[in-house]
Amino acid sequence: MKLSKWLGTISTLALCAVALQGQSQAQAPAAAQGQAAAPRPARPAPVLKTIVEGKVYYAGVGSNVGYVIGDTGVIMIDNGFANASALIKSVTNKPITHVIETHDDTDHINGLYTTPNADKIKIVAMEDNWKQQWTSFKWTEKPKANCPQSPMPPQPNVIIRQPRVETTIDGVKFVLHHYGPSHTGHDLVIELPEYKLAFVGDIVFTTDLFPDAHPGLPPQDHNMFWKSEKRGTPRGMFHSVDELLKLDVTYVPGHGQTLMTKADIRKKRDDVKADYDKQSAMVRAGMSLDDLRKATGEDKYSPARGGCINYVDLPWYVYTETMRDMQELKDKGTIK
């Protein structure tokens, strides 16, 4: 299917996902619904890692944060954990002047609460990121009563509306790419062509978040998941990886302590797509969503899903998108 076809209907999928979650939670056993989310284990302290000596660094505790040292200041890429801005002080005393957000998930922006003079920093983000933040802190990131509530973080004040922007910030060349919906509907890839690097956010990453960060949620599909309520979609991930593979770079993922090569991200894409295509064939043969979840093992997890994340599994995407494709073909008279 061409990219333009599913881009036009992805908002409908997001609404369907929210409705499906509400239905699933209503049908969950009383014991599952009443269970409190397990406490998160303590995480190790973040360690600053060098990518390019004196120029580019990153650190992670849950999510990764990038640091690019410019002529007079430091440009951060995401700012997802407390005091993230202080880590770079071991390398330079230059102030934080910019934060470029890959997307609006709270584990990528909540460090702004502890960033000195955050109200004076230029915060760069896609337009839909900025719009989404007005709802993220009301319900989409906090679907359950036991989830901590957060005040609104400092908002983006430099808005990106084009799919590709070349710019120089404080003497450093950046190319900002938006390939369409993937993890969310507003993922932003930050390329540093001089250093042959790209910070890719959560389009692809190298670690499974759920065992330590979100107890009670099922394993991810090859360490990937998509935010349906923010227009994320695995099909978009396939397209985005195709575009990322065209860049002459090494990839810095949004999670995980190792950088990724072309072979790494290609394998992520191919593994997920193989499962997607296999499940799609099952749907075209008449399998229901419930049976698809049983066939893939997703049925053994509580429909309530636990934690503070709206997790929608790969079978839901496959079923919803395949059924939509089949309906389009029926409407055109291609199939009966």
C-alpha atoms as a PDB file:
ATOM      1  CA  MET A   1       0.000   0.000   0.000  1.00  0.00           C
ATOM      2  CA  LYS A   2       1.267   3.504  -0.791  1.00  0.00           C
ATOM      3  CA  LEU A   3       2.217   5.767   2.099  1.00  0.00           C
ATOM      4  CA  SER A   4      -0.452   8.315   1.216  1.00  0.00           C
ATOM      5  CA  LYS A   5      -3.283   5.802   1.727  1.00  0.00           C
ATOM      6  CA  TRP A   6      -2.608   4.968   5.350  1.00  0.00           C
ATOM      7  CA  LEU A   7      -1.527   8.490   6.293  1.00  0.00           C
ATOM      8  CA  GLY A   8      -5.035   9.664   5.504  1.00  0.00           C
ATOM      9  CA  THR A   9      -6.700   7.207   7.877  1.00  0.00           C
ATOM     10  CA  ILE A  10      -4.213   6.869  10.713  1.00  0.00           C
ATOM     11  CA  SER A  11      -6.178   9.290  12.909  1.00  0.00           C
ATOM     12  CA  THR A  12      -9.142   6.915  12.659  1.00  0.00           C
ATOM     13  CA  LEU A  13      -6.910   4.077  13.814  1.00  0.00           C
ATOM     14  CA  ALA A  14      -5.853   6.114  16.818  1.00  0.00           C
ATOM     15  CA  LEU A  15      -9.450   6.656  17.857  1.00  0.00           C
ATOM     16  CA  CYS A  16     -10.208   2.966  17.334  1.00  0.00           C
ATOM     17  CA  ALA A  17      -7.270   2.019  19.537  1.00  0.00           C
ATOM     18  CA  VAL A  18      -8.527   4.153  22.394  1.00  0.00           C
ATOM     19  CA  ALA A  19     -12.013   2.644  22.063  1.00  0.00           C
ATOM     20  CA  LEU A  20     -10.588  -0.866  21.890  1.00  0.00           C
ATOM     21  CA  GLN A  21      -8.566  -0.282  25.027  1.00  0.00           C
ATOM     22  CA  GLY A  22     -11.608   0.870  26.908  1.00  0.00           C
ATOM     23  CA  GLN A  23     -13.531  -2.225  25.762  1.00  0.00           C
ATOM     24  CA  SER A  24     -10.638  -4.537  26.682  1.00  0.00           C
ATOM     25  CA  GLN A  25     -10.320  -3.016  30.126  1.00  0.00           C
ATOM     26  CA  ALA A  26     -14.052  -3.416  30.716  1.00  0.00           C
ATOM     27  CA  GLN A  27     -13.787  -7.094  29.831  1.00  0.00           C
ATOM     28  CA  ALA A  28     -10.696  -7.733  31.973  1.00  0.00           C
ATOM     29  CA  PRO A  29     -11.100  -9.963  35.044  1.00  0.00           C
ATOM     30  CA  ALA A  30     -11.842  -8.037  38.204  1.00  0.00           C
ATOM     31  CA  ALA A  31      -8.579  -9.170  39.789  1.00  0.00           C
ATOM     32  CA  ALA A  32      -6.576  -7.901  36.830  1.00  0.00           C
ATOM     33  CA  GLN A  33      -8.364  -4.559  36.850  1.00  0.00           C
ATOM     34  CA  GLY A  34      -7.802  -4.124  40.579  1.00  0.00           C
ATOM     35  CA  GLN A  35      -4.087  -4.849  40.530  1.00  0.00           C
ATOM     36  CA  ALA A  36      -1.855  -1.910  41.260  1.00  0.00           C
ATOM     37  CA  ALA A  37       1.110  -1.420  38.950  1.00  0.00           C
ATOM     38  CA  ALA A  38       4.252  -3.003  40.375  1.00  0.00           C
ATOM     39  CA  PRO A  39       6.832  -0.517  41.669  1.00  0.00           C
ATOM     40  CA  ARG A  40       9.608   0.262  39.270  1.00  0.00           C
ATOM     41  CA  PRO A  41      13.049  -0.981  40.312  1.00  0.00           C
ATOM     42  CA  ALA A  42      15.796   1.557  40.884  1.00  0.00           C
ATOM     43  CA  ARG A  43      17.751   2.444  37.764  1.00  0.00           C
ATOM     44  CA  PRO A  44      21.509   2.926  37.634  1.00  0.00           C
ATOM     45  CA  ALA A  45      22.848   6.460  37.439  1.00  0.00           C
ATOM     46  CA  PRO A  46      23.289   7.702  33.859  1.00  0.00           C
ATOM     47  CA  VAL A  47      26.847   7.737  32.487  1.00  0.00           C
ATOM     48  CA  LEU A  48      28.012  10.209  29.855  1.00  0.00           C
ATOM     49  CA  LYS A  49      29.375   8.412  26.786  1.00  0.00           C
ATOM     50  CA  THR A  50      31.578   9.865  24.076  1.00  0.00           C
ATOM     51  CA  ILE A  51      30.627   9.586  20.411  1.00  0.00           C
ATOM     52  CA  VAL A  52      32.922  12.300  19.015  1.00  0.00           C
ATOM     53  CA  GLU A  53      35.509  13.567  21.507  1.00  0.00           C
ATOM     54  CA  GLY A  54      34.824  17.153  22.514  1.00  0.00           C
ATOM     55  CA  LYS A  55      31.809  17.387  20.185  1.00  0.00           C
ATOM     56  CA  VAL A  56      29.033  14.782  20.601  1.00  0.00           C
ATOM     57  CA  TYR A  57      27.996  12.744  23.651  1.00  0.00           C
ATOM     58  CA  TYR A  58      24.999  10.801  24.890  1.00  0.00           C
ATOM     59  CA  ALA A  59      23.695   9.347  28.135  1.00  0.00           C
ATOM     60  CA  GLY A  60      20.731   7.222  29.075  1.00  0.00           C
ATOM     61  CA  VAL A  61      18.641   6.161  32.020  1.00  0.00           C
ATOM     62  CA  GLY A  62      15.504   4.690  30.482  1.00  0.00           C
ATOM     63  CA  SER A  63      15.744   7.011  27.479  1.00  0.00           C
ATOM     64  CA  ASN A  64      18.791   8.480  25.766  1.00  0.00           C
ATOM     65  CA  VAL A  65      19.777  12.143  25.682  1.00  0.00           C
ATOM     66  CA  GLY A  66      22.233  13.607  23.182  1.00  0.00           C
ATOM     67  CA  TYR A  67      24.617  16.531  23.664  1.00  0.00           C
ATOM     68  CA  VAL A  68      26.151  18.462  20.764  1.00  0.00           C
ATOM     69  CA  ILE A  69      28.713  21.089  21.725  1.00  0.00           C
ATOM     70  CA  GLY A  70      28.471  24.215  19.608  1.00  0.00           C
ATOM     71  CA  ASP A  71      30.582  27.368  19.444  1.00  0.00           C
ATOM     72  CA  THR A  72      28.997  29.015  22.487  1.00  0.00           C
ATOM     73  CA  GLY A  73      26.557  26.486  23.962  1.00  0.00           C
ATOM     74  CA  VAL A  74      25.214  22.944  24.059  1.00  0.00           C
ATOM     75  CA  ILE A  75      22.368  21.620  21.926  1.00  0.00           C
ATOM     76  CA  MET A  76      20.557  18.755  23.641  1.00  0.00           C
ATOM     77  CA  ILE A  77      18.652  16.102  21.718  1.00  0.00           C
ATOM     78  CA  ASP A  78      15.763  15.122  23.976  1.00  0.00           C
ATOM     79  CA  ASN A  79      15.841  15.818  27.702  1.00  0.00           C
ATOM     80  CA  GLY A  80      14.133  12.867  29.280  1.00  0.00           C
ATOM     81  CA  PHE A  81      15.359  12.430  32.842  1.00  0.00           C
ATOM     82  CA  ALA A  82      16.027  14.561  35.914  1.00  0.00           C
ATOM     83  CA  ASN A  83      19.171  16.685  35.772  1.00  0.00           C
ATOM     84  CA  ALA A  84      20.081  15.431  32.319  1.00  0.00           C
ATOM     85  CA  SER A  85      21.357  18.895  31.471  1.00  0.00           C
ATOM     86  CA  ALA A  86      23.954  18.713  34.280  1.00  0.00           C
ATOM     87  CA  LEU A  87      25.801  15.653  32.930  1.00  0.00           C
ATOM     88  CA  ILE A  88      27.575  17.585  30.204  1.00  0.00           C
ATOM     89  CA  LYS A  89      29.173  19.855  32.841  1.00  0.00           C
ATOM     90  CA  SER A  90      31.950  17.278  33.215  1.00  0.00           C
ATOM     91  CA  VAL A  91      33.000  18.140  29.640  1.00  0.00           C
ATOM     92  CA  THR A  92      32.123  21.809  29.151  1.00  0.00           C
ATOM     93  CA  ASN A  93      30.803  24.784  31.082  1.00  0.00           C
ATOM     94  CA  LYS A  94      28.928  26.080  28.058  1.00  0.00           C
ATOM     95  CA  PRO A  95      25.220  26.602  28.805  1.00  0.00           C
ATOM     96  CA  ILE A  96      22.327  24.614  27.350  1.00  0.00           C
ATOM     97  CA  THR A  97      20.926  26.807  24.576  1.00  0.00           C
ATOM     98  CA  HIS A  98      18.682  24.423  22.611  1.00  0.00           C
ATOM     99  CA  VAL A  99      16.730  21.204  23.069  1.00  0.00           C
ATOM    100  CA  ILE A 100      15.564  19.358  19.947  1.00  0.00           C
ATOM    101  CA  GLU A 101      12.786  16.884  20.723  1.00  0.00           C
ATOM    102  CA  THR A 102      12.492  13.636  18.756  1.00  0.00           C
ATOM    103  CA  HIS A 103       8.887  13.299  20.017  1.00  0.00           C
ATOM    104  CA  ASP A 104       6.736  14.263  22.978  1.00  0.00           C
ATOM    105  CA  ASP A 105       6.705  11.136  25.173  1.00  0.00           C
ATOM    106  CA  THR A 106       7.335  12.130  28.757  1.00  0.00           C
ATOM    107  CA  ASP A 107      10.431   9.935  29.045  1.00  0.00           C
ATOM    108  CA  HIS A 108      11.999  12.151  26.365  1.00  0.00           C
ATOM    109  CA  ILE A 109      11.033  15.608  27.649  1.00  0.00           C
ATOM    110  CA  ASN A 110      10.554  15.461  31.428  1.00  0.00           C
ATOM    111  CA  GLY A 111      14.151  16.514  32.117  1.00  0.00           C
ATOM    112  CA  LEU A 112      13.103  20.014  31.124  1.00  0.00           C
ATOM    113  CA  TYR A 113      11.615  20.369  34.609  1.00  0.00           C
ATOM    114  CA  THR A 114      15.135  20.300  36.088  1.00  0.00           C
ATOM    115  CA  THR A 115      16.941  22.259  33.360  1.00  0.00           C
ATOM    116  CA  PRO A 116      18.132  25.683  34.568  1.00  0.00           C
ATOM    117  CA  ASN A 117      16.593  28.623  32.712  1.00  0.00           C
ATOM    118  CA  ALA A 118      14.419  26.292  30.642  1.00  0.00           C
ATOM    119  CA  ASP A 119      12.127  29.208  29.832  1.00  0.00           C
ATOM    120  CA  LYS A 120      15.007  30.875  27.951  1.00  0.00           C
ATOM    121  CA  ILE A 121      16.048  27.800  25.960  1.00  0.00           C
ATOM    122  CA  LYS A 122      14.999  27.284  22.350  1.00  0.00           C
ATOM    123  CA  ILE A 123      12.954  24.053  22.261  1.00  0.00           C
ATOM    124  CA  VAL A 124      12.632  22.668  18.741  1.00  0.00           C
ATOM    125  CA  ALA A 125       9.887  20.182  17.789  1.00  0.00           C
ATOM    126  CA  MET A 126       7.480  19.092  15.081  1.00  0.00           C
ATOM    127  CA  GLU A 127       4.206  21.018  15.034  1.00  0.00           C
ATOM    128  CA  ASP A 128       2.158  17.948  15.990  1.00  0.00           C
ATOM    129  CA  ASN A 129       4.520  17.332  18.924  1.00  0.00           C
ATOM    130  CA  TRP A 130       3.677  20.766  20.269  1.00  0.00           C
ATOM    131  CA  LYS A 131      -0.057  20.190  19.748  1.00  0.00           C
ATOM    132  CA  GLN A 132       0.081  16.711  21.318  1.00  0.00           C
ATOM    133  CA  GLN A 133       1.675  17.990  24.517  1.00  0.00           C
ATOM    134  CA  TRP A 134      -1.500  19.853  25.331  1.00  0.00           C
ATOM    135  CA  THR A 135      -3.318  16.507  25.560  1.00  0.00           C
ATOM    136  CA  SER A 136      -0.467  14.214  26.642  1.00  0.00           C
ATOM    137  CA  PHE A 137      -0.487  15.615  30.142  1.00  0.00           C
ATOM    138  CA  LYS A 138      -4.261  15.315  30.404  1.00  0.00           C
ATOM    139  CA  TRP A 139      -4.993  11.713  29.412  1.00  0.00           C
ATOM    140  CA  THR A 140      -3.029   9.954  26.681  1.00  0.00           C
ATOM    141  CA  GLU A 141       0.093   9.420  28.781  1.00  0.00           C
ATOM    142  CA  LYS A 142      -1.859   8.949  32.021  1.00  0.00           C
ATOM    143  CA  PRO A 143      -4.725   6.537  31.341  1.00  0.00           C
ATOM    144  CA  LYS A 144      -4.987   5.154  34.883  1.00  0.00           C
ATOM    145  CA  ALA A 145      -5.708   6.752  38.228  1.00  0.00           C
ATOM    146  CA  ASN A 146      -2.548   5.386  39.881  1.00  0.00           C
ATOM    147  CA  CYS A 147      -0.229   7.121  37.409  1.00  0.00           C
ATOM    148  CA  PRO A 148       1.667  10.186  38.657  1.00  0.00           C
ATOM    149  CA  GLN A 149       0.401  13.479  37.320  1.00  0.00           C
ATOM    150  CA  SER A 150       2.856  15.975  35.870  1.00  0.00           C
ATOM    151  CA  PRO A 151       2.563  19.695  35.266  1.00  0.00           C
ATOM    152  CA  MET A 152       3.012  20.901  31.707  1.00  0.00           C
ATOM    153  CA  PRO A 153       6.743  20.969  30.844  1.00  0.00           C
ATOM    154  CA  PRO A 154       8.297  23.953  29.059  1.00  0.00           C
ATOM    155  CA  GLN A 155       6.740  24.017  25.609  1.00  0.00           C
ATOM    156  CA  PRO A 156       8.386  23.926  22.162  1.00  0.00           C
ATOM    157  CA  ASN A 157       8.930  27.445  20.859  1.00  0.00           C
ATOM    158  CA  VAL A 158      10.623  26.653  17.520  1.00  0.00           C
ATOM    159  CA  ILE A 159       8.108  24.712  15.425  1.00  0.00           C
ATOM    160  CA  ILE A 160       9.059  22.503  12.458  1.00  0.00           C
ATOM    161  CA  ARG A 161       6.399  22.185   9.759  1.00  0.00           C
ATOM    162  CA  GLN A 162       8.404  20.782   6.829  1.00  0.00           C
ATOM    163  CA  PRO A 163       9.497  17.148   6.296  1.00  0.00           C
ATOM    164  CA  ARG A 164      13.133  18.193   5.865  1.00  0.00           C
ATOM    165  CA  VAL A 165      14.931  21.198   7.313  1.00  0.00           C
ATOM    166  CA  GLU A 166      18.622  22.029   6.958  1.00  0.00           C
ATOM    167  CA  THR A 167      19.915  24.498   9.501  1.00  0.00           C
ATOM    168  CA  THR A 168      23.032  25.561  11.358  1.00  0.00           C
ATOM    169  CA  ILE A 169      22.761  25.964  15.109  1.00  0.00           C
ATOM    170  CA  ASP A 170      25.670  27.561  16.953  1.00  0.00           C
ATOM    171  CA  GLY A 171      28.145  26.562  14.241  1.00  0.00           C
ATOM    172  CA  VAL A 172      26.882  22.961  13.873  1.00  0.00           C
ATOM    173  CA  LYS A 173      25.015  21.766  10.779  1.00  0.00           C
ATOM    174  CA  PHE A 174      21.793  19.849  11.426  1.00  0.00           C
ATOM    175  CA  VAL A 175      19.346  18.178   9.060  1.00  0.00           C
ATOM    176  CA  LEU A 176      15.938  17.498  10.594  1.00  0.00           C
ATOM    177  CA  HIS A 177      13.844  14.767   8.974  1.00  0.00           C
ATOM    178  CA  HIS A 178      10.197  13.828   9.436  1.00  0.00           C
ATOM    179  CA  TYR A 179       9.286  10.689   7.479  1.00  0.00           C
ATOM    180  CA  GLY A 180       5.672  10.435   8.620  1.00  0.00           C
ATOM    181  CA  PRO A 181       4.062   8.475  11.478  1.00  0.00           C
ATOM    182  CA  SER A 182       6.174   5.729  13.063  1.00  0.00           C
ATOM    183  CA  HIS A 183       6.492   5.460  16.867  1.00  0.00           C
ATOM    184  CA  THR A 184       4.266   8.556  17.007  1.00  0.00           C
ATOM    185  CA  GLY A 185       2.796  10.784  14.317  1.00  0.00           C
ATOM    186  CA  HIS A 186       5.484  13.411  14.787  1.00  0.00           C
ATOM    187  CA  ASP A 187       8.840  11.645  15.068  1.00  0.00           C
ATOM    188  CA  LEU A 188      11.793  13.870  14.242  1.00  0.00           C
ATOM    189  CA  VAL A 189      15.166  12.457  13.169  1.00  0.00           C
ATOM    190  CA  ILE A 190      18.143  14.691  13.945  1.00  0.00           C
ATOM    191  CA  GLU A 191      21.019  14.151  11.516  1.00  0.00           C
ATOM    192  CA  LEU A 192      24.516  15.536  12.102  1.00  0.00           C
ATOM    193  CA  PRO A 193      26.071  15.132   8.638  1.00  0.00           C
ATOM    194  CA  GLU A 194      29.506  16.424   9.699  1.00  0.00           C
ATOM    195  CA  TYR A 195      29.746  13.616  12.275  1.00  0.00           C
ATOM    196  CA  LYS A 196      27.795  11.017  10.249  1.00  0.00           C
ATOM    197  CA  LEU A 197      25.321  10.500  13.081  1.00  0.00           C
ATOM    198  CA  ALA A 198      21.540  10.491  13.376  1.00  0.00           C
ATOM    199  CA  PHE A 199      19.523  10.547  16.590  1.00  0.00           C
ATOM    200  CA  VAL A 200      16.403   8.576  15.678  1.00  0.00           C
ATOM    201  CA  GLY A 201      14.289   8.694  18.848  1.00  0.00           C
ATOM    202  CA  ASP A 202      11.990   5.693  19.203  1.00  0.00           C
ATOM    203  CA  ILE A 203      11.668   4.818  15.516  1.00  0.00           C
ATOM    204  CA  VAL A 204      14.124   2.020  16.325  1.00  0.00           C
ATOM    205  CA  PHE A 205      15.959   1.156  19.533  1.00  0.00           C
ATOM    206  CA  THR A 206      17.962  -1.622  21.102  1.00  0.00           C
ATOM    207  CA  THR A 207      16.386  -2.514  24.418  1.00  0.00           C
ATOM    208  CA  ASP A 208      13.141  -3.909  25.816  1.00  0.00           C
ATOM    209  CA  LEU A 209      11.653  -1.216  28.039  1.00  0.00           C
ATOM    210  CA  PHE A 210       9.002  -3.181  29.815  1.00  0.00           C
ATOM    211  CA  PRO A 211      10.766  -5.637  32.162  1.00  0.00           C
ATOM    212  CA  ASP A 212      12.228  -2.870  34.336  1.00  0.00           C
ATOM    213  CA  ALA A 213      10.472   0.323  33.290  1.00  0.00           C
ATOM    214  CA  HIS A 214       6.882  -0.873  32.958  1.00  0.00           C
ATOM    215  CA  PRO A 215       6.250  -4.095  34.890  1.00  0.00           C
ATOM    216  CA  GLY A 216       3.139  -5.983  33.847  1.00  0.00           C
ATOM    217  CA  LEU A 217       3.252  -5.131  30.166  1.00  0.00           C
ATOM    218  CA  PRO A 218       3.964  -7.856  27.597  1.00  0.00           C
ATOM    219  CA  PRO A 219       7.273  -8.214  25.769  1.00  0.00           C
ATOM    220  CA  GLN A 220       7.599  -5.854  22.861  1.00  0.00           C
ATOM    221  CA  ASP A 221       7.538  -7.048  19.289  1.00  0.00           C
ATOM    222  CA  HIS A 222      11.292  -7.193  18.605  1.00  0.00           C
ATOM    223  CA  ASN A 223      11.776  -4.374  21.140  1.00  0.00           C
ATOM    224  CA  MET A 224       9.371  -2.107  19.254  1.00  0.00           C
ATOM    225  CA  PHE A 225       6.043  -0.559  20.041  1.00  0.00           C
ATOM    226  CA  TRP A 226       3.919   2.196  18.589  1.00  0.00           C
ATOM    227  CA  LYS A 227       1.772   4.863  20.218  1.00  0.00           C
ATOM    228  CA  SER A 228      -1.629   4.381  18.613  1.00  0.00           C
ATOM    229  CA  GLU A 229      -3.128   7.365  20.419  1.00  0.00           C
ATOM    230  CA  LYS A 230      -0.415   9.535  18.827  1.00  0.00           C
ATOM    231  CA  ARG A 231      -0.920   8.100  15.311  1.00  0.00           C
ATOM    232  CA  GLY A 232       1.994   5.678  15.520  1.00  0.00           C
ATOM    233  CA  THR A 233       1.986   2.662  13.212  1.00  0.00           C
ATOM    234  CA  PRO A 234       4.361  -0.211  12.335  1.00  0.00           C
ATOM    235  CA  ARG A 235       3.840   0.496   8.644  1.00  0.00           C
ATOM    236  CA  GLY A 236       5.267   3.924   9.256  1.00  0.00           C
ATOM    237  CA  MET A 237       8.233   2.337  10.999  1.00  0.00           C
ATOM    238  CA  PHE A 238       8.915   0.242   7.878  1.00  0.00           C
ATOM    239  CA  HIS A 239       8.874   3.380   5.741  1.00  0.00           C
ATOM    240  CA  SER A 240      10.971   5.396   8.197  1.00  0.00           C
ATOM    241  CA  VAL A 241      13.667   2.718   8.355  1.00  0.00           C
ATOM    242  CA  ASP A 242      13.736   2.642   4.546  1.00  0.00           C
ATOM    243  CA  GLU A 243      14.461   6.370   4.635  1.00  0.00           C
ATOM    244  CA  LEU A 244      16.997   6.086   7.477  1.00  0.00           C
ATOM    245  CA  LEU A 245      18.945   3.512   5.481  1.00  0.00           C
ATOM    246  CA  LYS A 246      19.554   6.175   2.817  1.00  0.00           C
ATOM    247  CA  LEU A 247      21.561   8.289   5.287  1.00  0.00           C
ATOM    248  CA  ASP A 248      25.339   7.879   5.560  1.00  0.00           C
ATOM    249  CA  VAL A 249      25.295   7.692   9.354  1.00  0.00           C
ATOM    250  CA  THR A 250      25.485   5.627  12.516  1.00  0.00           C
ATOM    251  CA  TYR A 251      22.220   5.685  14.473  1.00  0.00           C
ATOM    252  CA  VAL A 252      21.710   6.760  18.087  1.00  0.00           C
ATOM    253  CA  PRO A 253      18.506   5.084  19.331  1.00  0.00           C
ATOM    254  CA  GLY A 254      16.042   6.540  21.797  1.00  0.00           C
ATOM    255  CA  HIS A 255      16.671   3.650  24.216  1.00  0.00           C
ATOM    256  CA  GLY A 256      19.593   1.314  24.718  1.00  0.00           C
ATOM    257  CA  GLN A 257      23.265   1.828  25.420  1.00  0.00           C
ATOM    258  CA  THR A 258      24.711   0.821  22.045  1.00  0.00           C
ATOM    259  CA  LEU A 259      24.737   2.691  18.751  1.00  0.00           C
ATOM    260  CA  MET A 260      23.103   1.029  15.753  1.00  0.00           C
ATOM    261  CA  THR A 261      24.392   0.267  12.265  1.00  0.00           C
ATOM    262  CA  LYS A 262      22.483  -0.057   8.999  1.00  0.00           C
ATOM    263  CA  ALA A 263      22.467  -3.828   9.515  1.00  0.00           C
ATOM    264  CA  ASP A 264      20.974  -3.367  13.003  1.00  0.00           C
ATOM    265  CA  ILE A 265      18.051  -1.192  11.950  1.00  0.00           C
ATOM    266  CA  ARG A 266      17.432  -3.235   8.816  1.00  0.00           C
ATOM    267  CA  LYS A 267      17.122  -6.383  10.946  1.00  0.00           C
ATOM    268  CA  LYS A 268      14.704  -4.647  13.318  1.00  0.00           C
ATOM    269  CA  ARG A 269      12.562  -3.623  10.367  1.00  0.00           C
ATOM    270  CA  ASP A 270      12.754  -7.000   8.643  1.00  0.00           C
ATOM    271  CA  ASP A 271      11.927  -8.979  11.800  1.00  0.00           C
ATOM    272  CA  VAL A 272       8.842  -6.906  12.575  1.00  0.00           C
ATOM    273  CA  LYS A 273       7.731  -6.889   8.938  1.00  0.00           C
ATOM    274  CA  ALA A 274       8.042 -10.685   8.694  1.00  0.00           C
ATOM    275  CA  ASP A 275       5.709 -11.047  11.680  1.00  0.00           C
ATOM    276  CA  TYR A 276       3.399  -8.374  10.295  1.00  0.00           C
ATOM    277  CA  ASP A 277       3.130 -10.052   6.897  1.00  0.00           C
ATOM    278  CA  LYS A 278       2.586 -13.499   8.452  1.00  0.00           C
ATOM    279  CA  GLN A 279      -0.204 -12.205  10.677  1.00  0.00           C
ATOM    280  CA  SER A 280      -1.745 -10.212   7.833  1.00  0.00           C
ATOM    281  CA  ALA A 281      -2.049 -13.411   5.806  1.00  0.00           C
ATOM    282  CA  MET A 282      -3.908 -14.981   8.739  1.00  0.00           C
ATOM    283  CA  VAL A 283      -6.364 -12.077   8.792  1.00  0.00           C
ATOM    284  CA  ARG A 284      -6.929 -12.261   5.035  1.00  0.00           C
ATOM    285  CA  ALA A 285      -7.699 -15.961   5.519  1.00  0.00           C
ATOM    286  CA  GLY A 286     -10.493 -15.012   7.929  1.00  0.00           C
ATOM    287  CA  MET A 287      -8.868 -15.071  11.383  1.00  0.00           C
ATOM    288  CA  SER A 288     -10.470 -12.850  14.035  1.00  0.00           C
ATOM    289  CA  LEU A 289      -8.498 -10.474  16.241  1.00  0.00           C
ATOM    290  CA  ASP A 290      -9.055 -12.674  19.307  1.00  0.00           C
ATOM    291  CA  ASP A 291      -7.786 -15.732  17.463  1.00  0.00           C
ATOM    292  CA  LEU A 292      -4.838 -13.784  16.090  1.00  0.00           C
ATOM    293  CA  ARG A 293      -3.840 -12.782  19.604  1.00  0.00           C
ATOM    294  CA  LYS A 294      -4.112 -16.411  20.699  1.00  0.00           C
ATOM    295  CA  ALA A 295      -1.996 -17.538  17.758  1.00  0.00           C
ATOM    296  CA  THR A 296       0.736 -15.015  18.615  1.00  0.00           C
ATOM    297  CA  GLY A 297       0.612 -15.490  22.388  1.00  0.00           C
ATOM    298  CA  GLU A 298      -0.624 -11.971  23.115  1.00  0.00           C
ATOM    299  CA  ASP A 299      -3.831 -13.302  24.680  1.00  0.00           C
ATOM    300  CA  LYS A 300      -2.069 -14.370  27.884  1.00  0.00           C
ATOM    301  CA  TYR A 301      -1.491 -10.787  28.954  1.00  0.00           C
ATOM    302  CA  SER A 302      -4.064  -8.833  30.911  1.00  0.00           C
ATOM    303  CA  PRO A 303      -6.209  -6.640  28.668  1.00  0.00           C
ATOM    304  CA  ALA A 304      -5.762  -3.927  31.279  1.00  0.00           C
ATOM    305  CA  ARG A 305      -2.058  -3.902  30.283  1.00  0.00           C
ATOM    306  CA  GLY A 306      -0.918  -2.213  33.514  1.00  0.00           C
ATOM    307  CA  GLY A 307       1.448   0.699  34.005  1.00  0.00           C
ATOM    308  CA  CYS A 308       1.034   4.157  32.532  1.00  0.00           C
ATOM    309  CA  ILE A 309       1.466   3.329  28.853  1.00  0.00           C
ATOM    310  CA  ASN A 310      -1.211   2.881  26.212  1.00  0.00           C
ATOM    311  CA  TYR A 311       0.218  -0.309  24.724  1.00  0.00           C
ATOM    312  CA  VAL A 312      -1.449  -1.643  21.609  1.00  0.00           C
ATOM    313  CA  ASP A 313       0.019  -4.923  20.380  1.00  0.00           C
ATOM    314  CA  LEU A 314       1.168  -5.796  16.875  1.00  0.00           C
ATOM    315  CA  PRO A 315      -1.837  -8.093  16.209  1.00  0.00           C
ATOM    316  CA  TRP A 316      -4.198  -5.139  16.721  1.00  0.00           C
ATOM    317  CA  TYR A 317      -2.354  -3.078  14.128  1.00  0.00           C
ATOM    318  CA  VAL A 318      -2.155  -5.976  11.687  1.00  0.00           C
ATOM    319  CA  TYR A 319      -5.841  -6.815  12.057  1.00  0.00           C
ATOM    320  CA  THR A 320      -7.053  -3.209  11.865  1.00  0.00           C
ATOM    321  CA  GLU A 321      -4.879  -2.209   8.932  1.00  0.00           C
ATOM    322  CA  THR A 322      -5.438  -5.433   6.966  1.00  0.00           C
ATOM    323  CA  MET A 323      -9.204  -5.248   7.418  1.00  0.00           C
ATOM    324  CA  ARG A 324      -9.131  -1.639   6.258  1.00  0.00           C
ATOM    325  CA  ASP A 325      -7.115  -2.627   3.181  1.00  0.00           C
ATOM    326  CA  MET A 326      -9.605  -5.385   2.370  1.00  0.00           C
ATOM    327  CA  GLN A 327     -12.527  -2.991   2.746  1.00  0.00           C
ATOM    328  CA  GLU A 328     -10.869  -0.537   0.357  1.00  0.00           C
ATOM    329  CA  LEU A 329     -10.418  -3.319  -2.204  1.00  0.00           C
ATOM    330  CA  LYS A 330     -14.075  -4.335  -1.785  1.00  0.00           C
ATOM    331  CA  ASP A 331     -15.173  -0.721  -2.247  1.00  0.00           C
ATOM    332  CA  LYS A 332     -13.204  -0.614  -5.502  1.00  0.00           C
ATOM    333  CA  GLY A 333     -14.644  -3.941  -6.615  1.00  0.00           C
ATOM    334  CA  THR A 334     -11.218  -5.563  -6.713  1.00  0.00           C
ATOM    335  CA  ILE A 335     -12.294  -8.324  -4.332  1.00  0.00           C
ATOM    336  CA  LYS A 336     -15.719  -9.565  -3.220  1.00  0.00           C
END
